């Protein structure tokens, strides 16, 4: 009998979302290739009725979110998680599901019944990220994230950095079982013969403050003053803050600095087009304030791009500074500008870093290397007949 696992995910592609959905799709497809049965289920705001799709033998259930109306936010959060839990209970018993795996973000594992082992992956819950940004998470969302963590039977962290962040939130006697990094499809995200534009610098991330987009703009003042032929391109969806679009704020600042003619806002691009951006643009920059284990960095590096990433968080776990890319503190805009200028002025160094990055990702973060860790973890739970009782 094939082992059967349920993933709890409310952003499985092509539905809107970020790295969590892409992570679970890659993991699901890889498990199916290895002979597993995989079901995915989640609450989706963009569906009006229960839908069931088959994605390369992965069965994907999308349950509609409760209707939004004034004053119902606090009611809908527990209601949708309770509904998801009831659905999961039925699926577990009906389809002989042996394991349940879901992310910490938004606490969607809160209502999953304690009848098979429940695994939570640490991808960056608000209760972990917001304090690092000097902010407070929504109290109700924080409750579901915290409760989900403490109800989990097993916990997998996506980086050593996130292990340190989540440990204080766990109940007494609870611990992170393993650290398993994100993985990248090195066949899909591979270098090509496309000739890169050596004078373009690209940010490929949501346009929000925590991604360091304003710090990149500040650094660009120096870059542009010294290399007026260089161009900066922001790829990503706008994330309004305080009632105002972040792109609008960046445009106003660029006009104030008289550098707007050198900057383009290209908007959000479909996931399948990302590899073409990485192959085309000269330098990829990620001066993020916070990441769990940045999949986008891995994809850019796998495609042979020279990457400048943040030295904060898990940055040093991903990039070997000066060898497979550069690491900078996002608040040190002079350093960021200097690193960009170094790569713009030394195309051979940029090309060498891109090659080194590709080789490193193939060795450390490919599906082949990371999947073995996931399979070993799952199979150990199945061999042990892992108890679903609270530790």
Protein backbone atom coordinates (compact mmCIF):
# COMPACT_ATOMS: atom_id res chain seq x y z
CA UNK A 1 0.00 0.00 0.00
CA UNK A 2 1.33 3.40 -0.97
CA UNK A 3 2.01 5.82 1.89
CA UNK A 4 -0.47 8.70 1.80
CA UNK A 5 0.27 12.21 3.09
CA UNK A 6 -1.94 15.28 3.40
CA UNK A 7 -0.50 18.77 2.94
CA UNK A 8 -2.41 21.67 4.45
CA UNK A 9 -1.82 24.59 2.11
CA UNK A 10 -4.01 27.55 1.16
CA UNK A 11 -1.79 28.91 -1.63
CA UNK A 12 -1.08 25.90 -3.81
CA UNK A 13 -0.25 27.15 -7.33
CA UNK A 14 -1.72 28.58 -9.45
CA UNK A 15 -3.63 30.24 -6.60
CA UNK A 16 -2.14 33.54 -5.34
CA UNK A 17 0.53 33.18 -2.71
CA UNK A 18 4.23 32.99 -2.14
CA UNK A 19 6.97 30.51 -1.44
CA UNK A 20 4.93 28.17 0.76
CA UNK A 21 2.65 27.14 -2.08
CA UNK A 22 5.56 26.60 -4.46
CA UNK A 23 7.40 24.62 -1.78
CA UNK A 24 4.51 22.22 -1.26
CA UNK A 25 3.97 21.79 -5.00
CA UNK A 26 7.62 20.83 -5.51
CA UNK A 27 7.50 18.47 -2.53
CA UNK A 28 4.19 16.94 -3.65
CA UNK A 29 5.39 16.24 -7.20
CA UNK A 30 8.61 14.72 -5.91
CA UNK A 31 6.74 12.40 -3.53
CA UNK A 32 4.39 11.26 -6.29
CA UNK A 33 7.42 10.44 -8.44
CA UNK A 34 8.67 8.27 -5.58
CA UNK A 35 5.41 6.33 -5.33
CA UNK A 36 3.55 8.26 -2.63
CA UNK A 37 -0.07 9.35 -2.66
CA UNK A 38 -0.45 13.07 -1.99
CA UNK A 39 -3.53 15.09 -1.13
CA UNK A 40 -3.51 18.85 -0.64
CA UNK A 41 -6.24 20.78 1.11
CA UNK A 42 -6.77 24.38 2.15
CA UNK A 43 -9.13 27.34 2.46
CA UNK A 44 -9.14 29.62 -0.59
CA UNK A 45 -10.65 33.08 -0.87
CA UNK A 46 -10.74 32.90 -4.67
CA UNK A 47 -13.18 29.95 -4.96
CA UNK A 48 -16.94 29.98 -4.41
CA UNK A 49 -17.49 26.23 -4.03
CA UNK A 50 -15.42 23.17 -3.17
CA UNK A 51 -13.18 22.30 -6.11
CA UNK A 52 -11.01 19.25 -6.67
CA UNK A 53 -8.17 19.29 -9.20
CA UNK A 54 -5.56 16.73 -10.18
CA UNK A 55 -2.10 18.22 -10.59
CA UNK A 56 0.31 15.56 -11.87
CA UNK A 57 -1.42 12.90 -9.72
CA UNK A 58 -1.60 15.27 -6.72
CA UNK A 59 -5.21 15.65 -5.56
CA UNK A 60 -5.83 19.30 -4.66
CA UNK A 61 -8.91 20.31 -2.67
CA UNK A 62 -9.81 23.98 -2.47
CA UNK A 63 -12.44 24.84 0.13
CA UNK A 64 -14.11 28.27 -0.12
CA UNK A 65 -13.37 30.79 2.60
CA UNK A 66 -16.24 32.10 4.69
CA UNK A 67 -17.87 35.22 3.18
CA UNK A 68 -16.23 38.44 4.25
CA UNK A 69 -18.43 41.15 5.70
CA UNK A 70 -18.06 43.94 8.20
CA UNK A 71 -17.32 42.70 11.71
CA UNK A 72 -16.96 39.01 10.74
CA UNK A 73 -13.16 38.79 10.60
CA UNK A 74 -12.84 37.46 14.15
CA UNK A 75 -15.59 34.91 13.53
CA UNK A 76 -14.27 33.72 10.17
CA UNK A 77 -10.75 32.94 11.41
CA UNK A 78 -11.79 30.18 13.87
CA UNK A 79 -14.69 29.09 11.66
CA UNK A 80 -12.52 28.45 8.61
CA UNK A 81 -9.90 26.60 10.65
CA UNK A 82 -12.61 24.48 12.27
CA UNK A 83 -14.10 23.69 8.84
CA UNK A 84 -10.68 22.72 7.52
CA UNK A 85 -10.18 20.45 10.51
CA UNK A 86 -13.52 18.70 9.95
CA UNK A 87 -12.69 18.19 6.28
CA UNK A 88 -9.22 16.82 7.18
CA UNK A 89 -10.70 14.39 9.73
CA UNK A 90 -13.00 12.95 7.06
CA UNK A 91 -10.16 12.67 4.53
CA UNK A 92 -7.79 11.01 7.00
CA UNK A 93 -10.29 8.29 7.83
CA UNK A 94 -11.74 7.84 4.34
CA UNK A 95 -8.47 7.91 2.37
CA UNK A 96 -6.16 6.20 4.89
CA UNK A 97 -3.93 9.25 5.25
CA UNK A 98 -0.91 8.48 7.42
CA UNK A 99 0.73 11.89 7.94
CA UNK A 100 -0.32 15.55 7.84
CA UNK A 101 2.19 18.29 7.00
CA UNK A 102 1.51 22.05 7.03
CA UNK A 103 3.23 25.38 7.52
CA UNK A 104 3.26 27.51 10.67
CA UNK A 105 2.08 30.66 8.86
CA UNK A 106 -1.46 31.79 9.89
CA UNK A 107 -1.99 28.72 12.05
CA UNK A 108 -3.98 26.63 9.56
CA UNK A 109 -2.95 23.43 11.37
CA UNK A 110 -4.92 24.54 14.44
CA UNK A 111 -8.02 22.44 13.69
CA UNK A 112 -6.31 19.32 12.32
CA UNK A 113 -7.39 16.36 14.49
CA UNK A 114 -4.88 14.46 16.60
CA UNK A 115 -5.45 11.09 14.92
CA UNK A 116 -2.32 10.89 12.74
CA UNK A 117 1.07 12.57 13.26
CA UNK A 118 0.91 16.28 12.50
CA UNK A 119 4.06 17.94 11.20
CA UNK A 120 4.50 21.71 11.18
CA UNK A 121 7.15 23.29 9.00
CA UNK A 122 8.63 26.59 10.12
CA UNK A 123 8.42 28.95 7.15
CA UNK A 124 7.94 32.24 9.01
CA UNK A 125 4.82 32.72 11.13
CA UNK A 126 3.89 36.27 12.10
CA UNK A 127 4.69 35.52 15.74
CA UNK A 128 8.28 34.79 14.67
CA UNK A 129 8.81 37.52 12.07
CA UNK A 130 6.93 40.51 13.46
CA UNK A 131 9.00 40.91 16.67
CA UNK A 132 12.17 40.93 14.55
CA UNK A 133 10.67 43.84 12.60
CA UNK A 134 9.64 45.69 15.76
CA UNK A 135 5.94 45.01 15.10
CA UNK A 136 3.10 43.21 16.84
CA UNK A 137 1.13 40.51 15.00
CA UNK A 138 -2.65 40.39 14.91
CA UNK A 139 -3.60 38.92 18.34
CA UNK A 140 -6.08 36.39 16.95
CA UNK A 141 -3.72 35.21 14.22
CA UNK A 142 -0.94 34.99 16.80
CA UNK A 143 -3.17 32.75 18.93
CA UNK A 144 -3.74 30.29 16.07
CA UNK A 145 -0.06 30.23 15.12
CA UNK A 146 1.06 29.68 18.70
CA UNK A 147 -1.60 27.04 19.40
CA UNK A 148 -0.81 25.19 16.17
CA UNK A 149 2.86 25.00 17.08
CA UNK A 150 2.18 23.66 20.55
CA UNK A 151 -0.26 21.06 19.25
CA UNK A 152 2.17 19.72 16.65
CA UNK A 153 3.58 16.24 17.09
CA UNK A 154 6.66 17.01 15.03
CA UNK A 155 8.37 20.21 13.86
CA UNK A 156 10.67 20.74 10.88
CA UNK A 157 12.52 24.03 10.58
CA UNK A 158 13.53 25.51 7.23
CA UNK A 159 16.84 26.91 8.56
CA UNK A 160 18.99 27.02 11.67
CA UNK A 161 18.01 30.65 12.02
CA UNK A 162 14.31 29.76 12.19
CA UNK A 163 15.06 27.01 14.71
CA UNK A 164 16.42 29.67 17.04
CA UNK A 165 13.35 31.85 16.50
CA UNK A 166 10.74 29.16 17.11
CA UNK A 167 12.28 27.41 20.11
CA UNK A 168 11.07 29.95 22.73
CA UNK A 169 7.47 29.51 21.47
CA UNK A 170 7.35 25.77 22.02
CA UNK A 171 5.77 24.10 25.02
CA UNK A 172 7.91 22.45 27.70
CA UNK A 173 9.50 19.26 26.41
CA UNK A 174 8.77 20.12 22.78
CA UNK A 175 11.63 20.63 20.31
CA UNK A 176 12.44 21.02 16.64
CA UNK A 177 12.89 17.51 15.24
CA UNK A 178 14.95 18.44 12.16
CA UNK A 179 16.20 21.27 10.00
CA UNK A 180 15.49 20.61 6.33
CA UNK A 181 16.27 23.37 3.88
CA UNK A 182 14.05 24.43 1.00
CA UNK A 183 14.88 22.85 -2.34
CA UNK A 184 14.93 24.03 -5.93
CA UNK A 185 14.26 22.30 -9.23
CA UNK A 186 17.71 22.65 -10.76
CA UNK A 187 16.48 21.35 -14.13
CA UNK A 188 13.86 24.09 -14.43
CA UNK A 189 16.02 26.81 -12.90
CA UNK A 190 19.14 26.29 -14.96
CA UNK A 191 21.50 28.60 -16.83
CA UNK A 192 20.97 29.11 -20.55
CA UNK A 193 22.77 30.61 -23.49
CA UNK A 194 20.74 33.80 -23.06
CA UNK A 195 23.10 36.76 -23.03
CA UNK A 196 22.69 38.68 -19.80
CA UNK A 197 22.37 42.44 -19.75
CA UNK A 198 25.42 43.27 -17.63
CA UNK A 199 24.11 46.71 -16.65
CA UNK A 200 20.75 45.68 -15.17
CA UNK A 201 20.07 45.10 -11.49
CA UNK A 202 16.83 43.40 -10.47
CA UNK A 203 14.85 42.99 -7.27
CA UNK A 204 12.51 40.01 -7.65
CA UNK A 205 10.28 40.03 -4.58
CA UNK A 206 7.08 41.47 -3.18
CA UNK A 207 7.36 45.27 -3.08
CA UNK A 208 7.30 45.73 0.68
CA UNK A 209 9.56 47.33 3.29
CA UNK A 210 10.67 44.04 4.84
CA UNK A 211 12.29 43.10 1.52
CA UNK A 212 14.60 46.11 1.77
CA UNK A 213 13.18 47.83 -1.31
CA UNK A 214 13.73 51.33 0.11
CA UNK A 215 17.30 50.52 1.11
CA UNK A 216 17.95 49.33 -2.43
CA UNK A 217 16.64 52.63 -3.75
CA UNK A 218 18.92 54.56 -1.40
CA UNK A 219 21.90 52.50 -2.55
CA UNK A 220 20.89 53.10 -6.14
CA UNK A 221 21.53 56.84 -5.76
CA UNK A 222 25.24 56.12 -5.45
CA UNK A 223 25.24 53.39 -8.10
CA UNK A 224 23.52 55.58 -10.67
CA UNK A 225 25.74 58.58 -9.96
CA UNK A 226 28.79 56.46 -10.79
CA UNK A 227 27.30 54.24 -13.51
CA UNK A 228 24.64 56.30 -15.33
CA UNK A 229 24.08 53.52 -17.89
CA UNK A 230 22.92 51.08 -15.20
CA UNK A 231 19.24 50.28 -14.78
CA UNK A 232 17.28 49.04 -11.75
CA UNK A 233 14.16 46.90 -12.22
CA UNK A 234 11.69 46.02 -9.47
CA UNK A 235 9.72 42.83 -10.21
CA UNK A 236 6.93 41.92 -7.80
CA UNK A 237 3.43 42.71 -6.60
CA UNK A 238 2.75 45.93 -4.76
CA UNK A 239 2.14 45.54 -1.02
CA UNK A 240 0.42 48.71 0.21
CA UNK A 241 1.30 49.91 3.70
CA UNK A 242 -0.50 52.51 5.78
CA UNK A 243 -3.07 52.95 3.05
CA UNK A 244 -0.53 53.82 0.36
CA UNK A 245 1.07 51.70 -2.32
CA UNK A 246 4.74 50.93 -1.74
CA UNK A 247 5.46 51.37 -5.44
CA UNK A 248 3.91 54.83 -5.31
CA UNK A 249 6.16 55.72 -2.38
CA UNK A 250 9.23 54.42 -4.20
CA UNK A 251 8.35 56.37 -7.33
CA UNK A 252 7.95 59.59 -5.35
CA UNK A 253 11.30 59.05 -3.68
CA UNK A 254 12.99 58.26 -7.00
CA UNK A 255 11.61 61.47 -8.50
CA UNK A 256 12.81 63.43 -5.49
CA UNK A 257 16.31 62.02 -5.98
CA UNK A 258 16.11 62.60 -9.78
CA UNK A 259 16.89 58.94 -10.50
CA UNK A 260 13.44 57.88 -11.69
CA UNK A 261 14.58 57.67 -15.32
CA UNK A 262 16.87 54.76 -14.36
CA UNK A 263 14.23 52.69 -12.52
CA UNK A 264 11.46 50.46 -13.87
CA UNK A 265 8.59 48.82 -11.98
CA UNK A 266 7.72 45.71 -13.99
CA UNK A 267 4.98 44.38 -11.73
CA UNK A 268 4.32 40.79 -10.70
CA UNK A 269 5.30 38.07 -13.14
CA UNK A 270 4.00 34.49 -13.34
CA UNK A 271 6.14 31.96 -11.52
CA UNK A 272 7.12 30.13 -14.71
CA UNK A 273 8.66 33.35 -16.07
CA UNK A 274 11.02 33.89 -13.14
CA UNK A 275 13.75 31.75 -14.65
CA UNK A 276 13.82 34.02 -17.72
CA UNK A 277 14.35 37.05 -15.46
CA UNK A 278 17.21 35.32 -13.67
CA UNK A 279 18.80 34.39 -16.99
CA UNK A 280 18.34 37.85 -18.51
CA UNK A 281 19.14 40.39 -15.79
CA UNK A 282 22.75 41.02 -14.83
CA UNK A 283 22.54 41.09 -11.02
CA UNK A 284 19.80 39.92 -8.62
CA UNK A 285 19.55 41.77 -5.30
CA UNK A 286 17.72 40.68 -2.13
CA UNK A 287 18.51 43.09 0.77
CA UNK A 288 15.75 41.56 2.92
CA UNK A 289 15.28 42.29 6.59
CA UNK A 290 13.79 38.89 7.28
CA UNK A 291 13.58 35.52 5.55
CA UNK A 292 12.98 31.96 6.73
CA UNK A 293 15.03 30.21 4.06
CA UNK A 294 14.66 32.21 0.84
CA UNK A 295 13.61 29.96 -2.01
CA UNK A 296 13.82 32.84 -4.49
CA UNK A 297 17.52 33.23 -3.73
CA UNK A 298 18.08 29.54 -4.48
CA UNK A 299 16.21 29.79 -7.78
CA UNK A 300 18.25 32.79 -8.91
CA UNK A 301 21.50 31.09 -7.89
CA UNK A 302 20.49 27.85 -9.62
CA UNK A 303 19.96 29.83 -12.81
CA UNK A 304 23.54 31.07 -12.58
CA UNK A 305 22.79 34.61 -11.44
CA UNK A 306 25.19 36.60 -9.28
CA UNK A 307 23.13 37.32 -6.15
CA UNK A 308 23.51 39.93 -3.43
CA UNK A 309 21.58 38.82 -0.36
CA UNK A 310 21.02 39.97 3.18
CA UNK A 311 23.52 39.06 5.87
CA UNK A 312 20.66 38.91 8.36
CA UNK A 313 18.68 35.83 9.27
CA UNK A 314 19.57 32.70 7.27
CA UNK A 315 21.61 34.61 4.68
CA UNK A 316 24.94 33.00 5.69
CA UNK A 317 23.27 29.56 5.45
CA UNK A 318 22.48 30.21 1.79
CA UNK A 319 25.30 32.37 0.39
CA UNK A 320 29.01 31.96 0.97
CA UNK A 321 30.03 35.59 1.02
CA UNK A 322 32.47 36.50 -1.72
CA UNK A 323 32.28 33.05 -3.30
CA UNK A 324 28.71 32.18 -4.29
CA UNK A 325 27.45 35.75 -3.95
CA UNK A 326 27.67 38.76 -1.66
CA UNK A 327 26.06 39.31 1.75
CA UNK A 328 25.24 42.83 2.95
CA UNK A 329 23.44 44.39 5.88
CA UNK A 330 20.32 46.00 4.38
CA UNK A 331 20.85 49.09 6.51
CA UNK A 332 24.36 49.60 5.18
CA UNK A 333 23.36 51.17 1.87
CA UNK A 334 26.95 52.22 1.11
CA UNK A 335 28.06 48.60 1.30
CA UNK A 336 25.12 47.52 -0.84
CA UNK A 337 25.99 50.14 -3.46
CA UNK A 338 29.65 49.11 -3.42
CA UNK A 339 28.78 45.44 -3.97
CA UNK A 340 26.49 46.31 -6.87
CA UNK A 341 29.18 48.50 -8.42
CA UNK A 342 31.77 45.75 -7.96
CA UNK A 343 29.69 43.32 -10.01
CA UNK A 344 28.69 45.90 -12.62
CA UNK A 345 32.32 46.80 -13.20
CA UNK A 346 33.64 43.23 -13.10
CA UNK A 347 31.53 41.07 -15.41
CA UNK A 348 34.00 38.20 -15.15
CA UNK A 349 33.59 38.18 -11.36
CA UNK A 350 29.81 38.28 -11.76
CA UNK A 351 29.94 35.33 -14.15
CA UNK A 352 32.24 33.39 -11.82
CA UNK A 353 29.94 33.98 -8.85
CA UNK A 354 26.99 32.81 -10.91
CA UNK A 355 28.81 29.57 -11.78
CA UNK A 356 29.82 29.03 -8.16
CA UNK A 357 26.27 29.67 -7.02
CA UNK A 358 24.87 27.13 -9.47
CA UNK A 359 27.35 24.48 -8.35
CA UNK A 360 26.61 25.10 -4.69
CA UNK A 361 22.84 24.93 -5.14
CA UNK A 362 23.14 21.68 -7.10
CA UNK A 363 25.15 20.16 -4.27
CA UNK A 364 23.26 21.50 -1.25
CA UNK A 365 19.73 22.51 -2.25
CA UNK A 366 18.67 20.40 -5.24
CA UNK A 367 15.51 18.30 -5.10
CA UNK A 368 17.66 15.17 -5.17
CA UNK A 369 19.67 16.10 -2.08
CA UNK A 370 16.85 17.63 -0.03
CA UNK A 371 14.16 15.08 -0.91
CA UNK A 372 16.18 12.31 0.64
CA UNK A 373 16.05 14.17 3.95
CA UNK A 374 12.28 14.59 3.72
CA UNK A 375 11.73 10.95 2.77
CA UNK A 376 13.98 9.73 5.58
CA UNK A 377 12.04 11.85 8.07
CA UNK A 378 8.63 10.66 6.86
CA UNK A 379 9.67 7.01 6.67
CA UNK A 380 11.13 7.12 10.15
CA UNK A 381 7.77 8.29 11.49
CA UNK A 382 5.97 5.53 9.61
CA UNK A 383 8.44 2.84 10.74
CA UNK A 384 8.15 3.90 14.34
CA UNK A 385 4.38 4.03 14.11
CA UNK A 386 4.86 7.55 15.45
CA UNK A 387 2.30 8.28 18.11
CA UNK A 388 -0.02 11.17 17.46
CA UNK A 389 -0.29 11.76 21.19
CA UNK A 390 1.22 14.95 22.50
CA UNK A 391 4.84 14.56 23.52
